[in-house]
Amino acid sequence: MDRGDQRCLGCVYIYSLRSILDQLAAAAADPGKIGDLEAYVTFWVRASELERDLDCELLAQLLRWFDDEWVFQRIALGTNTEDTRQQMLFDDAGFTEAWRSTVSGRDSAYLVYVR
């Protein structure tokens, strides 16, 4: 929310990594290697906030928060092939693409990044 709590500037979603990979039918995912304390995180910010790099700030704060306050063993970040800005942001934060799942009827794919 903005400082006056008048406008939503973005949103964060946190899911179990195992459940997301099951939904994506990620063939490369070995269920035995994915623990219960692994999270799948996606987020978005309003396009109007990208010029002030709110997405970069949000990711930095999220990673700090996860490292300091949560017990996740691994964080996976999700995006899609249409969002090249977010892909570069994840690369810059030290994440690499681990899984890719096509979207039926679309030219895009879901991407899962891990570090």
PDB file of N, CA and C in Angstrom:
ATOM      1  N   MET A   1       0.844  -1.179   0.000  1.00  0.00           N
ATOM      2  CA  MET A   1       0.000   0.000   0.000  1.00  0.00           C
ATOM      3  C   MET A   1       0.893   1.247   0.000  1.00  0.00           C
ATOM      4  N   ASP A   2       0.353   2.337  -0.537  1.00  0.00           N
ATOM      5  CA  ASP A   2       1.103   3.583  -0.468  1.00  0.00           C
ATOM      6  C   ASP A   2       1.102   4.074   0.978  1.00  0.00           C
ATOM      7  N   ARG A   3       1.847   5.114   1.243  1.00  0.00           N
ATOM      8  CA  ARG A   3       1.988   5.605   2.627  1.00  0.00           C
ATOM      9  C   ARG A   3       0.659   6.013   3.258  1.00  0.00           C
ATOM     10  N   GLY A   4      -0.292   6.416   2.452  1.00  0.00           N
ATOM     11  CA  GLY A   4      -1.595   6.813   2.980  1.00  0.00           C
ATOM     12  C   GLY A   4      -2.622   5.688   3.014  1.00  0.00           C
ATOM     13  N   ASP A   5      -2.185   4.469   2.692  1.00  0.00           N
ATOM     14  CA  ASP A   5      -3.082   3.300   2.635  1.00  0.00           C
ATOM     15  C   ASP A   5      -4.264   3.530   1.706  1.00  0.00           C
ATOM     16  N   GLN A   6      -4.044   4.262   0.633  1.00  0.00           N
ATOM     17  CA  GLN A   6      -5.111   4.563  -0.307  1.00  0.00           C
ATOM     18  C   GLN A   6      -5.027   3.728  -1.590  1.00  0.00           C
ATOM     19  N   ARG A   7      -3.822   3.262  -1.924  1.00  0.00           N
ATOM     20  CA  ARG A   7      -3.632   2.595  -3.216  1.00  0.00           C
ATOM     21  C   ARG A   7      -2.703   1.401  -3.060  1.00  0.00           C
ATOM     22  N   CYS A   8      -3.142   0.266  -3.569  1.00  0.00           N
ATOM     23  CA  CYS A   8      -2.307  -0.937  -3.570  1.00  0.00           C
ATOM     24  C   CYS A   8      -1.212  -0.761  -4.617  1.00  0.00           C
ATOM     25  N   LEU A   9       0.044  -0.955  -4.217  1.00  0.00           N
ATOM     26  CA  LEU A   9       1.171  -0.802  -5.127  1.00  0.00           C
ATOM     27  C   LEU A   9       1.655  -2.137  -5.676  1.00  0.00           C
ATOM     28  N   GLY A  10       1.176  -3.229  -5.102  1.00  0.00           N
ATOM     29  CA  GLY A  10       1.588  -4.550  -5.558  1.00  0.00           C
ATOM     30  C   GLY A  10       1.105  -5.616  -4.605  1.00  0.00           C
ATOM     31  N   CYS A  11       1.564  -6.839  -4.831  1.00  0.00           N
ATOM     32  CA  CYS A  11       1.119  -7.951  -4.004  1.00  0.00           C
ATOM     33  C   CYS A  11       2.171  -9.054  -4.016  1.00  0.00           C
ATOM     34  N   VAL A  12       2.213  -9.829  -2.927  1.00  0.00           N
ATOM     35  CA  VAL A  12       3.130 -10.958  -2.782  1.00  0.00           C
ATOM     36  C   VAL A  12       2.295 -12.199  -2.492  1.00  0.00           C
ATOM     37  N   TYR A  13       2.664 -13.321  -3.122  1.00  0.00           N
ATOM     38  CA  TYR A  13       1.988 -14.595  -2.911  1.00  0.00           C
ATOM     39  C   TYR A  13       3.027 -15.625  -2.495  1.00  0.00           C
ATOM     40  N   ILE A  14       2.739 -16.406  -1.455  1.00  0.00           N
ATOM     41  CA  ILE A  14       3.657 -17.436  -0.962  1.00  0.00           C
ATOM     42  C   ILE A  14       2.905 -18.763  -0.920  1.00  0.00           C
ATOM     43  N   TYR A  15       3.460 -19.766  -1.584  1.00  0.00           N
ATOM     44  CA  TYR A  15       2.852 -21.095  -1.654  1.00  0.00           C
ATOM     45  C   TYR A  15       3.901 -22.151  -1.327  1.00  0.00           C
ATOM     46  N   SER A  16       3.454 -23.358  -1.107  1.00  0.00           N
ATOM     47  CA  SER A  16       4.354 -24.495  -0.982  1.00  0.00           C
ATOM     48  C   SER A  16       4.961 -24.781  -2.347  1.00  0.00           C
ATOM     49  N   LEU A  17       6.282 -24.914  -2.420  1.00  0.00           N
ATOM     50  CA  LEU A  17       6.947 -25.196  -3.689  1.00  0.00           C
ATOM     51  C   LEU A  17       6.463 -26.522  -4.267  1.00  0.00           C
ATOM     52  N   ARG A  18       6.305 -27.512  -3.429  1.00  0.00           N
ATOM     53  CA  ARG A  18       5.865 -28.830  -3.903  1.00  0.00           C
ATOM     54  C   ARG A  18       4.507 -28.734  -4.603  1.00  0.00           C
ATOM     55  N   SER A  19       3.570 -28.002  -4.015  1.00  0.00           N
ATOM     56  CA  SER A  19       2.229 -27.905  -4.610  1.00  0.00           C
ATOM     57  C   SER A  19       2.268 -27.198  -5.958  1.00  0.00           C
ATOM     58  N   ILE A  20       3.093 -26.188  -6.088  1.00  0.00           N
ATOM     59  CA  ILE A  20       3.189 -25.458  -7.355  1.00  0.00           C
ATOM     60  C   ILE A  20       3.814 -26.338  -8.434  1.00  0.00           C
ATOM     61  N   LEU A  21       4.882 -27.047  -8.097  1.00  0.00           N
ATOM     62  CA  LEU A  21       5.513 -27.910  -9.084  1.00  0.00           C
ATOM     63  C   LEU A  21       4.562 -29.029  -9.504  1.00  0.00           C
ATOM     64  N   ASP A  22       3.752 -29.521  -8.584  1.00  0.00           N
ATOM     65  CA  ASP A  22       2.736 -30.514  -8.943  1.00  0.00           C
ATOM     66  C   ASP A  22       1.740 -29.919  -9.930  1.00  0.00           C
ATOM     67  N   GLN A  23       1.298 -28.694  -9.676  1.00  0.00           N
ATOM     68  CA  GLN A  23       0.348 -28.034 -10.578  1.00  0.00           C
ATOM     69  C   GLN A  23       0.954 -27.789 -11.951  1.00  0.00           C
ATOM     70  N   LEU A  24       2.230 -27.454 -11.973  1.00  0.00           N
ATOM     71  CA  LEU A  24       2.896 -27.185 -13.242  1.00  0.00           C
ATOM     72  C   LEU A  24       3.327 -28.470 -13.946  1.00  0.00           C
ATOM     73  N   ALA A  25       3.154 -29.607 -13.266  1.00  0.00           N
ATOM     74  CA  ALA A  25       3.601 -30.893 -13.798  1.00  0.00           C
ATOM     75  C   ALA A  25       5.063 -30.803 -14.226  1.00  0.00           C
ATOM     76  N   ALA A  26       5.877 -30.252 -13.348  1.00  0.00           N
ATOM     77  CA  ALA A  26       7.295 -30.042 -13.636  1.00  0.00           C
ATOM     78  C   ALA A  26       8.011 -31.389 -13.636  1.00  0.00           C
ATOM     79  N   ALA A  27       8.264 -31.923 -14.798  1.00  0.00           N
ATOM     80  CA  ALA A  27       8.850 -33.249 -14.950  1.00  0.00           C
ATOM     81  C   ALA A  27      10.228 -33.339 -14.301  1.00  0.00           C
ATOM     82  N   ALA A  28      10.958 -32.235 -14.274  1.00  0.00           N
ATOM     83  CA  ALA A  28      12.307 -32.267 -13.717  1.00  0.00           C
ATOM     84  C   ALA A  28      12.307 -32.259 -12.194  1.00  0.00           C
ATOM     85  N   ALA A  29      11.152 -32.049 -11.590  1.00  0.00           N
ATOM     86  CA  ALA A  29      11.086 -31.961 -10.134  1.00  0.00           C
ATOM     87  C   ALA A  29      11.061 -33.352  -9.527  1.00  0.00           C
ATOM     88  N   ASP A  30      12.062 -33.673  -8.753  1.00  0.00           N
ATOM     89  CA  ASP A  30      12.102 -34.930  -8.025  1.00  0.00           C
ATOM     90  C   ASP A  30      11.440 -34.681  -6.675  1.00  0.00           C
ATOM     91  N   PRO A  31      10.226 -35.227  -6.448  1.00  0.00           N
ATOM     92  CA  PRO A  31       9.506 -34.946  -5.200  1.00  0.00           C
ATOM     93  C   PRO A  31      10.313 -35.268  -3.953  1.00  0.00           C
ATOM     94  N   GLY A  32      11.215 -36.231  -4.043  1.00  0.00           N
ATOM     95  CA  GLY A  32      12.040 -36.577  -2.893  1.00  0.00           C
ATOM     96  C   GLY A  32      13.035 -35.489  -2.528  1.00  0.00           C
ATOM     97  N   LYS A  33      13.311 -34.593  -3.464  1.00  0.00           N
ATOM     98  CA  LYS A  33      14.284 -33.530  -3.217  1.00  0.00           C
ATOM     99  C   LYS A  33      13.625 -32.217  -2.813  1.00  0.00           C
ATOM    100  N   ILE A  34      12.302 -32.206  -2.750  1.00  0.00           N
ATOM    101  CA  ILE A  34      11.591 -30.971  -2.409  1.00  0.00           C
ATOM    102  C   ILE A  34      10.985 -31.135  -1.028  1.00  0.00           C
ATOM    103  N   GLY A  35      11.473 -30.370  -0.071  1.00  0.00           N
ATOM    104  CA  GLY A  35      11.018 -30.488   1.304  1.00  0.00           C
ATOM    105  C   GLY A  35       9.774 -29.667   1.592  1.00  0.00           C
ATOM    106  N   ASP A  36       9.226 -29.893   2.778  1.00  0.00           N
ATOM    107  CA  ASP A  36       8.016 -29.181   3.187  1.00  0.00           C
ATOM    108  C   ASP A  36       8.291 -27.724   3.546  1.00  0.00           C
ATOM    109  N   LEU A  37       9.545 -27.379   3.784  1.00  0.00           N
ATOM    110  CA  LEU A  37       9.882 -26.014   4.182  1.00  0.00           C
ATOM    111  C   LEU A  37      10.478 -25.232   3.023  1.00  0.00           C
ATOM    112  N   GLU A  38       9.969 -25.491   1.844  1.00  0.00           N
ATOM    113  CA  GLU A  38      10.420 -24.769   0.668  1.00  0.00           C
ATOM    114  C   GLU A  38       9.242 -23.995   0.099  1.00  0.00           C
ATOM    115  N   ALA A  39       9.480 -22.735  -0.203  1.00  0.00           N
ATOM    116  CA  ALA A  39       8.390 -21.840  -0.603  1.00  0.00           C
ATOM    117  C   ALA A  39       8.540 -21.389  -2.044  1.00  0.00           C
ATOM    118  N   TYR A  40       7.405 -21.178  -2.671  1.00  0.00           N
ATOM    119  CA  TYR A  40       7.322 -20.612  -4.014  1.00  0.00           C
ATOM    120  C   TYR A  40       6.720 -19.220  -3.857  1.00  0.00           C
ATOM    121  N   VAL A  41       7.417 -18.222  -4.335  1.00  0.00           N
ATOM    122  CA  VAL A  41       7.020 -16.835  -4.128  1.00  0.00           C
ATOM    123  C   VAL A  41       6.851 -16.140  -5.473  1.00  0.00           C
ATOM    124  N   THR A  42       5.736 -15.476  -5.630  1.00  0.00           N
ATOM    125  CA  THR A  42       5.534 -14.604  -6.787  1.00  0.00           C
ATOM    126  C   THR A  42       5.115 -13.240  -6.272  1.00  0.00           C
ATOM    127  N   PHE A  43       5.353 -12.231  -7.075  1.00  0.00           N
ATOM    128  CA  PHE A  43       4.910 -10.889  -6.699  1.00  0.00           C
ATOM    129  C   PHE A  43       4.769 -10.042  -7.943  1.00  0.00           C
ATOM    130  N   TRP A  44       4.055  -8.958  -7.789  1.00  0.00           N
ATOM    131  CA  TRP A  44       3.929  -7.969  -8.857  1.00  0.00           C
ATOM    132  C   TRP A  44       3.862  -6.597  -8.214  1.00  0.00           C
ATOM    133  N   VAL A  45       4.242  -5.607  -8.987  1.00  0.00           N
ATOM    134  CA  VAL A  45       4.062  -4.204  -8.583  1.00  0.00           C
ATOM    135  C   VAL A  45       3.404  -3.480  -9.750  1.00  0.00           C
ATOM    136  N   ARG A  46       2.730  -2.421  -9.446  1.00  0.00           N
ATOM    137  CA  ARG A  46       2.076  -1.635 -10.499  1.00  0.00           C
ATOM    138  C   ARG A  46       3.112  -1.129 -11.504  1.00  0.00           C
ATOM    139  N   ALA A  47       2.727  -1.101 -12.759  1.00  0.00           N
ATOM    140  CA  ALA A  47       3.623  -0.608 -13.807  1.00  0.00           C
ATOM    141  C   ALA A  47       4.104   0.806 -13.505  1.00  0.00           C
ATOM    142  N   SER A  48       3.254   1.598 -12.893  1.00  0.00           N
ATOM    143  CA  SER A  48       3.630   2.979 -12.570  1.00  0.00           C
ATOM    144  C   SER A  48       4.753   3.055 -11.541  1.00  0.00           C
ATOM    145  N   GLU A  49       5.014   1.964 -10.827  1.00  0.00           N
ATOM    146  CA  GLU A  49       6.048   1.950  -9.787  1.00  0.00           C
ATOM    147  C   GLU A  49       7.369   1.360 -10.280  1.00  0.00           C
ATOM    148  N   LEU A  50       7.391   0.853 -11.489  1.00  0.00           N
ATOM    149  CA  LEU A  50       8.611   0.232 -12.013  1.00  0.00           C
ATOM    150  C   LEU A  50       9.712   1.252 -12.276  1.00  0.00           C
ATOM    151  N   GLU A  51       9.347   2.466 -12.678  1.00  0.00           N
ATOM    152  CA  GLU A  51      10.395   3.458 -12.976  1.00  0.00           C
ATOM    153  C   GLU A  51      11.160   3.864 -11.721  1.00  0.00           C
ATOM    154  N   ARG A  52      10.573   3.663 -10.558  1.00  0.00           N
ATOM    155  CA  ARG A  52      11.321   3.933  -9.318  1.00  0.00           C
ATOM    156  C   ARG A  52      11.844   2.639  -8.685  1.00  0.00           C
ATOM    157  N   ASP A  53      11.833   1.548  -9.489  1.00  0.00           N
ATOM    158  CA  ASP A  53      12.409   0.256  -9.114  1.00  0.00           C
ATOM    159  C   ASP A  53      11.795  -0.350  -7.850  1.00  0.00           C
ATOM    160  N   LEU A  54      10.496  -0.170  -7.682  1.00  0.00           N
ATOM    161  CA  LEU A  54       9.834  -0.762  -6.524  1.00  0.00           C
ATOM    162  C   LEU A  54       9.971  -2.284  -6.533  1.00  0.00           C
ATOM    163  N   ASP A  55      10.004  -2.911  -7.699  1.00  0.00           N
ATOM    164  CA  ASP A  55      10.159  -4.364  -7.764  1.00  0.00           C
ATOM    165  C   ASP A  55      11.510  -4.803  -7.207  1.00  0.00           C
ATOM    166  N   CYS A  56      12.572  -4.059  -7.492  1.00  0.00           N
ATOM    167  CA  CYS A  56      13.903  -4.369  -6.957  1.00  0.00           C
ATOM    168  C   CYS A  56      13.922  -4.225  -5.438  1.00  0.00           C
ATOM    169  N   GLU A  57      13.330  -3.146  -4.959  1.00  0.00           N
ATOM    170  CA  GLU A  57      13.269  -2.899  -3.521  1.00  0.00           C
ATOM    171  C   GLU A  57      12.446  -3.982  -2.830  1.00  0.00           C
ATOM    172  N   LEU A  58      11.317  -4.353  -3.436  1.00  0.00           N
ATOM    173  CA  LEU A  58      10.452  -5.372  -2.847  1.00  0.00           C
ATOM    174  C   LEU A  58      11.188  -6.703  -2.763  1.00  0.00           C
ATOM    175  N   LEU A  59      11.859  -7.122  -3.829  1.00  0.00           N
ATOM    176  CA  LEU A  59      12.572  -8.394  -3.790  1.00  0.00           C
ATOM    177  C   LEU A  59      13.657  -8.377  -2.720  1.00  0.00           C
ATOM    178  N   ALA A  60      14.409  -7.312  -2.629  1.00  0.00           N
ATOM    179  CA  ALA A  60      15.464  -7.217  -1.610  1.00  0.00           C
ATOM    180  C   ALA A  60      14.874  -7.334  -0.209  1.00  0.00           C
ATOM    181  N   GLN A  61      13.775  -6.648   0.042  1.00  0.00           N
ATOM    182  CA  GLN A  61      13.133  -6.718   1.360  1.00  0.00           C
ATOM    183  C   GLN A  61      12.551  -8.102   1.625  1.00  0.00           C
ATOM    184  N   LEU A  62      11.948  -8.706   0.605  1.00  0.00           N
ATOM    185  CA  LEU A  62      11.402 -10.058   0.773  1.00  0.00           C
ATOM    186  C   LEU A  62      12.495 -11.053   1.129  1.00  0.00           C
ATOM    187  N   LEU A  63      13.606 -11.018   0.411  1.00  0.00           N
ATOM    188  CA  LEU A  63      14.692 -11.961   0.682  1.00  0.00           C
ATOM    189  C   LEU A  63      15.257 -11.764   2.079  1.00  0.00           C
ATOM    190  N   ARG A  64      15.392 -10.536   2.497  1.00  0.00           N
ATOM    191  CA  ARG A  64      15.876 -10.249   3.840  1.00  0.00           C
ATOM    192  C   ARG A  64      14.883 -10.782   4.881  1.00  0.00           C
ATOM    193  N   TRP A  65      13.597 -10.542   4.647  1.00  0.00           N
ATOM    194  CA  TRP A  65      12.534 -11.003   5.545  1.00  0.00           C
ATOM    195  C   TRP A  65      12.521 -12.523   5.636  1.00  0.00           C
ATOM    196  N   PHE A  66      12.600 -13.207   4.487  1.00  0.00           N
ATOM    197  CA  PHE A  66      12.609 -14.669   4.488  1.00  0.00           C
ATOM    198  C   PHE A  66      13.825 -15.201   5.237  1.00  0.00           C
ATOM    199  N   ASP A  67      14.992 -14.610   5.001  1.00  0.00           N
ATOM    200  CA  ASP A  67      16.218 -15.069   5.660  1.00  0.00           C
ATOM    201  C   ASP A  67      16.184 -14.839   7.164  1.00  0.00           C
ATOM    202  N   ASP A  68      15.611 -13.724   7.602  1.00  0.00           N
ATOM    203  CA  ASP A  68      15.637 -13.357   9.016  1.00  0.00           C
ATOM    204  C   ASP A  68      14.476 -13.908   9.833  1.00  0.00           C
ATOM    205  N   GLU A  69      13.311 -14.039   9.229  1.00  0.00           N
ATOM    206  CA  GLU A  69      12.106 -14.335  10.005  1.00  0.00           C
ATOM    207  C   GLU A  69      11.431 -15.673   9.711  1.00  0.00           C
ATOM    208  N   TRP A  70      11.762 -16.307   8.608  1.00  0.00           N
ATOM    209  CA  TRP A  70      11.082 -17.541   8.218  1.00  0.00           C
ATOM    210  C   TRP A  70      12.040 -18.717   8.302  1.00  0.00           C
ATOM    211  N   VAL A  71      11.479 -19.920   8.271  1.00  0.00           N
ATOM    212  CA  VAL A  71      12.292 -21.131   8.374  1.00  0.00           C
ATOM    213  C   VAL A  71      12.398 -21.869   7.042  1.00  0.00           C
ATOM    214  N   PHE A  72      12.167 -21.172   5.938  1.00  0.00           N
ATOM    215  CA  PHE A  72      12.248 -21.811   4.638  1.00  0.00           C
ATOM    216  C   PHE A  72      13.664 -22.298   4.377  1.00  0.00           C
ATOM    217  N   GLN A  73      13.770 -23.527   3.867  1.00  0.00           N
ATOM    218  CA  GLN A  73      15.071 -24.060   3.491  1.00  0.00           C
ATOM    219  C   GLN A  73      15.475 -23.576   2.110  1.00  0.00           C
ATOM    220  N   ARG A  74      14.477 -23.294   1.282  1.00  0.00           N
ATOM    221  CA  ARG A  74      14.756 -22.803  -0.067  1.00  0.00           C
ATOM    222  C   ARG A  74      13.587 -21.933  -0.504  1.00  0.00           C
ATOM    223  N   ILE A  75      13.925 -20.860  -1.185  1.00  0.00           N
ATOM    224  CA  ILE A  75      12.923 -19.980  -1.775  1.00  0.00           C
ATOM    225  C   ILE A  75      13.018 -20.131  -3.288  1.00  0.00           C
ATOM    226  N   ALA A  76      11.883 -20.371  -3.913  1.00  0.00           N
ATOM    227  CA  ALA A  76      11.807 -20.394  -5.371  1.00  0.00           C
ATOM    228  C   ALA A  76      10.956 -19.207  -5.789  1.00  0.00           C
ATOM    229  N   LEU A  77      11.390 -18.516  -6.814  1.00  0.00           N
ATOM    230  CA  LEU A  77      10.654 -17.363  -7.319  1.00  0.00           C
ATOM    231  C   LEU A  77       9.992 -17.729  -8.637  1.00  0.00           C
ATOM    232  N   GLY A  78       8.766 -17.279  -8.820  1.00  0.00           N
ATOM    233  CA  GLY A  78       8.045 -17.601 -10.037  1.00  0.00           C
ATOM    234  C   GLY A  78       7.756 -16.378 -10.882  1.00  0.00           C
ATOM    235  N   THR A  79       7.788 -16.579 -12.178  1.00  0.00           N
ATOM    236  CA  THR A  79       7.441 -15.545 -13.142  1.00  0.00           C
ATOM    237  C   THR A  79       7.004 -16.242 -14.423  1.00  0.00           C
ATOM    238  N   ASN A  80       6.969 -15.524 -15.514  1.00  0.00           N
ATOM    239  CA  ASN A  80       6.670 -16.152 -16.800  1.00  0.00           C
ATOM    240  C   ASN A  80       7.576 -15.553 -17.870  1.00  0.00           C
ATOM    241  N   THR A  81       7.586 -16.189 -19.016  1.00  0.00           N
ATOM    242  CA  THR A  81       8.512 -15.767 -20.068  1.00  0.00           C
ATOM    243  C   THR A  81       8.174 -14.394 -20.635  1.00  0.00           C
ATOM    244  N   GLU A  82       6.979 -13.905 -20.387  1.00  0.00           N
ATOM    245  CA  GLU A  82       6.599 -12.571 -20.873  1.00  0.00           C
ATOM    246  C   GLU A  82       7.196 -11.451 -20.016  1.00  0.00           C
ATOM    247  N   ASP A  83       7.566 -11.758 -18.779  1.00  0.00           N
ATOM    248  CA  ASP A  83       8.070 -10.729 -17.864  1.00  0.00           C
ATOM    249  C   ASP A  83       9.598 -10.759 -17.825  1.00  0.00           C
ATOM    250  N   THR A  84      10.210 -10.205 -18.857  1.00  0.00           N
ATOM    251  CA  THR A  84      11.668 -10.229 -18.946  1.00  0.00           C
ATOM    252  C   THR A  84      12.324  -9.366 -17.871  1.00  0.00           C
ATOM    253  N   ARG A  85      11.655  -8.326 -17.427  1.00  0.00           N
ATOM    254  CA  ARG A  85      12.213  -7.492 -16.359  1.00  0.00           C
ATOM    255  C   ARG A  85      12.370  -8.316 -15.079  1.00  0.00           C
ATOM    256  N   GLN A  86      11.344  -9.097 -14.735  1.00  0.00           N
ATOM    257  CA  GLN A  86      11.422  -9.897 -13.527  1.00  0.00           C
ATOM    258  C   GLN A  86      12.468 -11.002 -13.672  1.00  0.00           C
ATOM    259  N   GLN A  87      12.586 -11.568 -14.850  1.00  0.00           N
ATOM    260  CA  GLN A  87      13.616 -12.585 -15.072  1.00  0.00           C
ATOM    261  C   GLN A  87      15.010 -12.005 -14.814  1.00  0.00           C
ATOM    262  N   MET A  88      15.273 -10.804 -15.313  1.00  0.00           N
ATOM    263  CA  MET A  88      16.571 -10.151 -15.093  1.00  0.00           C
ATOM    264  C   MET A  88      16.768  -9.834 -13.613  1.00  0.00           C
ATOM    265  N   LEU A  89      15.706  -9.420 -12.947  1.00  0.00           N
ATOM    266  CA  LEU A  89      15.766  -9.125 -11.516  1.00  0.00           C
ATOM    267  C   LEU A  89      16.162 -10.373 -10.732  1.00  0.00           C
ATOM    268  N   PHE A  90      15.564 -11.509 -11.068  1.00  0.00           N
ATOM    269  CA  PHE A  90      15.885 -12.767 -10.385  1.00  0.00           C
ATOM    270  C   PHE A  90      17.325 -13.186 -10.677  1.00  0.00           C
ATOM    271  N   ASP A  91      17.751 -13.054 -11.929  1.00  0.00           N
ATOM    272  CA  ASP A  91      19.141 -13.362 -12.287  1.00  0.00           C
ATOM    273  C   ASP A  91      20.105 -12.500 -11.477  1.00  0.00           C
ATOM    274  N   ASP A  92      19.823 -11.207 -11.397  1.00  0.00           N
ATOM    275  CA  ASP A  92      20.682 -10.276 -10.665  1.00  0.00           C
ATOM    276  C   ASP A  92      20.747 -10.598  -9.175  1.00  0.00           C
ATOM    277  N   ALA A  93      19.686 -11.214  -8.633  1.00  0.00           N
ATOM    278  CA  ALA A  93      19.644 -11.564  -7.211  1.00  0.00           C
ATOM    279  C   ALA A  93      20.288 -12.921  -6.943  1.00  0.00           C
ATOM    280  N   GLY A  94      20.864 -13.549  -7.975  1.00  0.00           N
ATOM    281  CA  GLY A  94      21.563 -14.815  -7.792  1.00  0.00           C
ATOM    282  C   GLY A  94      20.699 -16.057  -7.966  1.00  0.00           C
ATOM    283  N   PHE A  95      19.518 -15.896  -8.531  1.00  0.00           N
ATOM    284  CA  PHE A  95      18.632 -17.027  -8.795  1.00  0.00           C
ATOM    285  C   PHE A  95      18.858 -17.515 -10.219  1.00  0.00           C
ATOM    286  N   THR A  96      18.620 -18.806 -10.454  1.00  0.00           N
ATOM    287  CA  THR A  96      18.720 -19.370 -11.793  1.00  0.00           C
ATOM    288  C   THR A  96      17.451 -20.155 -12.105  1.00  0.00           C
ATOM    289  N   GLU A  97      17.122 -20.211 -13.373  1.00  0.00           N
ATOM    290  CA  GLU A  97      15.929 -20.941 -13.787  1.00  0.00           C
ATOM    291  C   GLU A  97      16.126 -22.428 -13.524  1.00  0.00           C
ATOM    292  N   ALA A  98      15.147 -23.043 -12.831  1.00  0.00           N
ATOM    293  CA  ALA A  98      15.219 -24.467 -12.515  1.00  0.00           C
ATOM    294  C   ALA A  98      14.148 -25.273 -13.234  1.00  0.00           C
ATOM    295  N   TRP A  99      12.966 -24.694 -13.425  1.00  0.00           N
ATOM    296  CA  TRP A  99      11.871 -25.388 -14.077  1.00  0.00           C
ATOM    297  C   TRP A  99      11.145 -24.437 -15.006  1.00  0.00           C
ATOM    298  N   ARG A 100      10.627 -24.999 -16.081  1.00  0.00           N
ATOM    299  CA  ARG A 100       9.863 -24.237 -17.070  1.00  0.00           C
ATOM    300  C   ARG A 100       8.670 -25.106 -17.453  1.00  0.00           C
ATOM    301  N   SER A 101       7.504 -24.499 -17.447  1.00  0.00           N
ATOM    302  CA  SER A 101       6.292 -25.243 -17.791  1.00  0.00           C
ATOM    303  C   SER A 101       5.473 -24.428 -18.778  1.00  0.00           C
ATOM    304  N   THR A 102       5.141 -25.025 -19.906  1.00  0.00           N
ATOM    305  CA  THR A 102       4.377 -24.308 -20.919  1.00  0.00           C
ATOM    306  C   THR A 102       2.944 -24.090 -20.457  1.00  0.00           C
ATOM    307  N   VAL A 103       2.335 -23.055 -21.009  1.00  0.00           N
ATOM    308  CA  VAL A 103       0.958 -22.708 -20.694  1.00  0.00           C
ATOM    309  C   VAL A 103       0.112 -23.112 -21.891  1.00  0.00           C
ATOM    310  N   SER A 104      -0.840 -23.982 -21.663  1.00  0.00           N
ATOM    311  CA  SER A 104      -1.683 -24.471 -22.747  1.00  0.00           C
ATOM    312  C   SER A 104      -2.384 -23.312 -23.455  1.00  0.00           C
ATOM    313  N   GLY A 105      -2.254 -23.295 -24.782  1.00  0.00           N
ATOM    314  CA  GLY A 105      -2.913 -22.281 -25.586  1.00  0.00           C
ATOM    315  C   GLY A 105      -2.223 -20.933 -25.617  1.00  0.00           C
ATOM    316  N   ARG A 106      -1.027 -20.833 -25.017  1.00  0.00           N
ATOM    317  CA  ARG A 106      -0.296 -19.557 -25.005  1.00  0.00           C
ATOM    318  C   ARG A 106       1.131 -19.776 -25.469  1.00  0.00           C
ATOM    319  N   ASP A 107       1.751 -18.714 -25.893  1.00  0.00           N
ATOM    320  CA  ASP A 107       3.147 -18.778 -26.308  1.00  0.00           C
ATOM    321  C   ASP A 107       4.103 -18.643 -25.127  1.00  0.00           C
ATOM    322  N   SER A 108       3.571 -18.343 -23.941  1.00  0.00           N
ATOM    323  CA  SER A 108       4.420 -18.122 -22.780  1.00  0.00           C
ATOM    324  C   SER A 108       4.550 -19.393 -21.953  1.00  0.00           C
ATOM    325  N   ALA A 109       5.496 -19.364 -20.995  1.00  0.00           N
ATOM    326  CA  ALA A 109       5.711 -20.474 -20.084  1.00  0.00           C
ATOM    327  C   ALA A 109       5.895 -19.909 -18.680  1.00  0.00           C
ATOM    328  N   TYR A 110       5.553 -20.713 -17.676  1.00  0.00           N
ATOM    329  CA  TYR A 110       5.843 -20.370 -16.287  1.00  0.00           C
ATOM    330  C   TYR A 110       7.301 -20.746 -16.009  1.00  0.00           C
ATOM    331  N   LEU A 111       7.970 -19.903 -15.250  1.00  0.00           N
ATOM    332  CA  LEU A 111       9.366 -20.134 -14.907  1.00  0.00           C
ATOM    333  C   LEU A 111       9.516 -20.185 -13.391  1.00  0.00           C
ATOM    334  N   VAL A 112      10.319 -21.117 -12.913  1.00  0.00           N
ATOM    335  CA  VAL A 112      10.625 -21.218 -11.492  1.00  0.00           C
ATOM    336  C   VAL A 112      12.121 -21.060 -11.332  1.00  0.00           C
ATOM    337  N   TYR A 113      12.524 -20.095 -10.522  1.00  0.00           N
ATOM    338  CA  TYR A 113      13.925 -19.780 -10.261  1.00  0.00           C
ATOM    339  C   TYR A 113      14.289 -20.174  -8.825  1.00  0.00           C
ATOM    340  N   VAL A 114      15.495 -20.711  -8.619  1.00  0.00           N
ATOM    341  CA  VAL A 114      15.978 -21.043  -7.280  1.00  0.00           C
ATOM    342  C   VAL A 114      17.397 -20.514  -7.118  1.00  0.00           C
ATOM    343  N   ARG A 115      17.853 -20.464  -5.882  1.00  0.00           N
ATOM    344  CA  ARG A 115      19.253 -20.096  -5.627  1.00  0.00           C
ATOM    345  C   ARG A 115      19.861 -21.090  -4.668  1.00  0.00           C
TER     346      ARG A 115
END
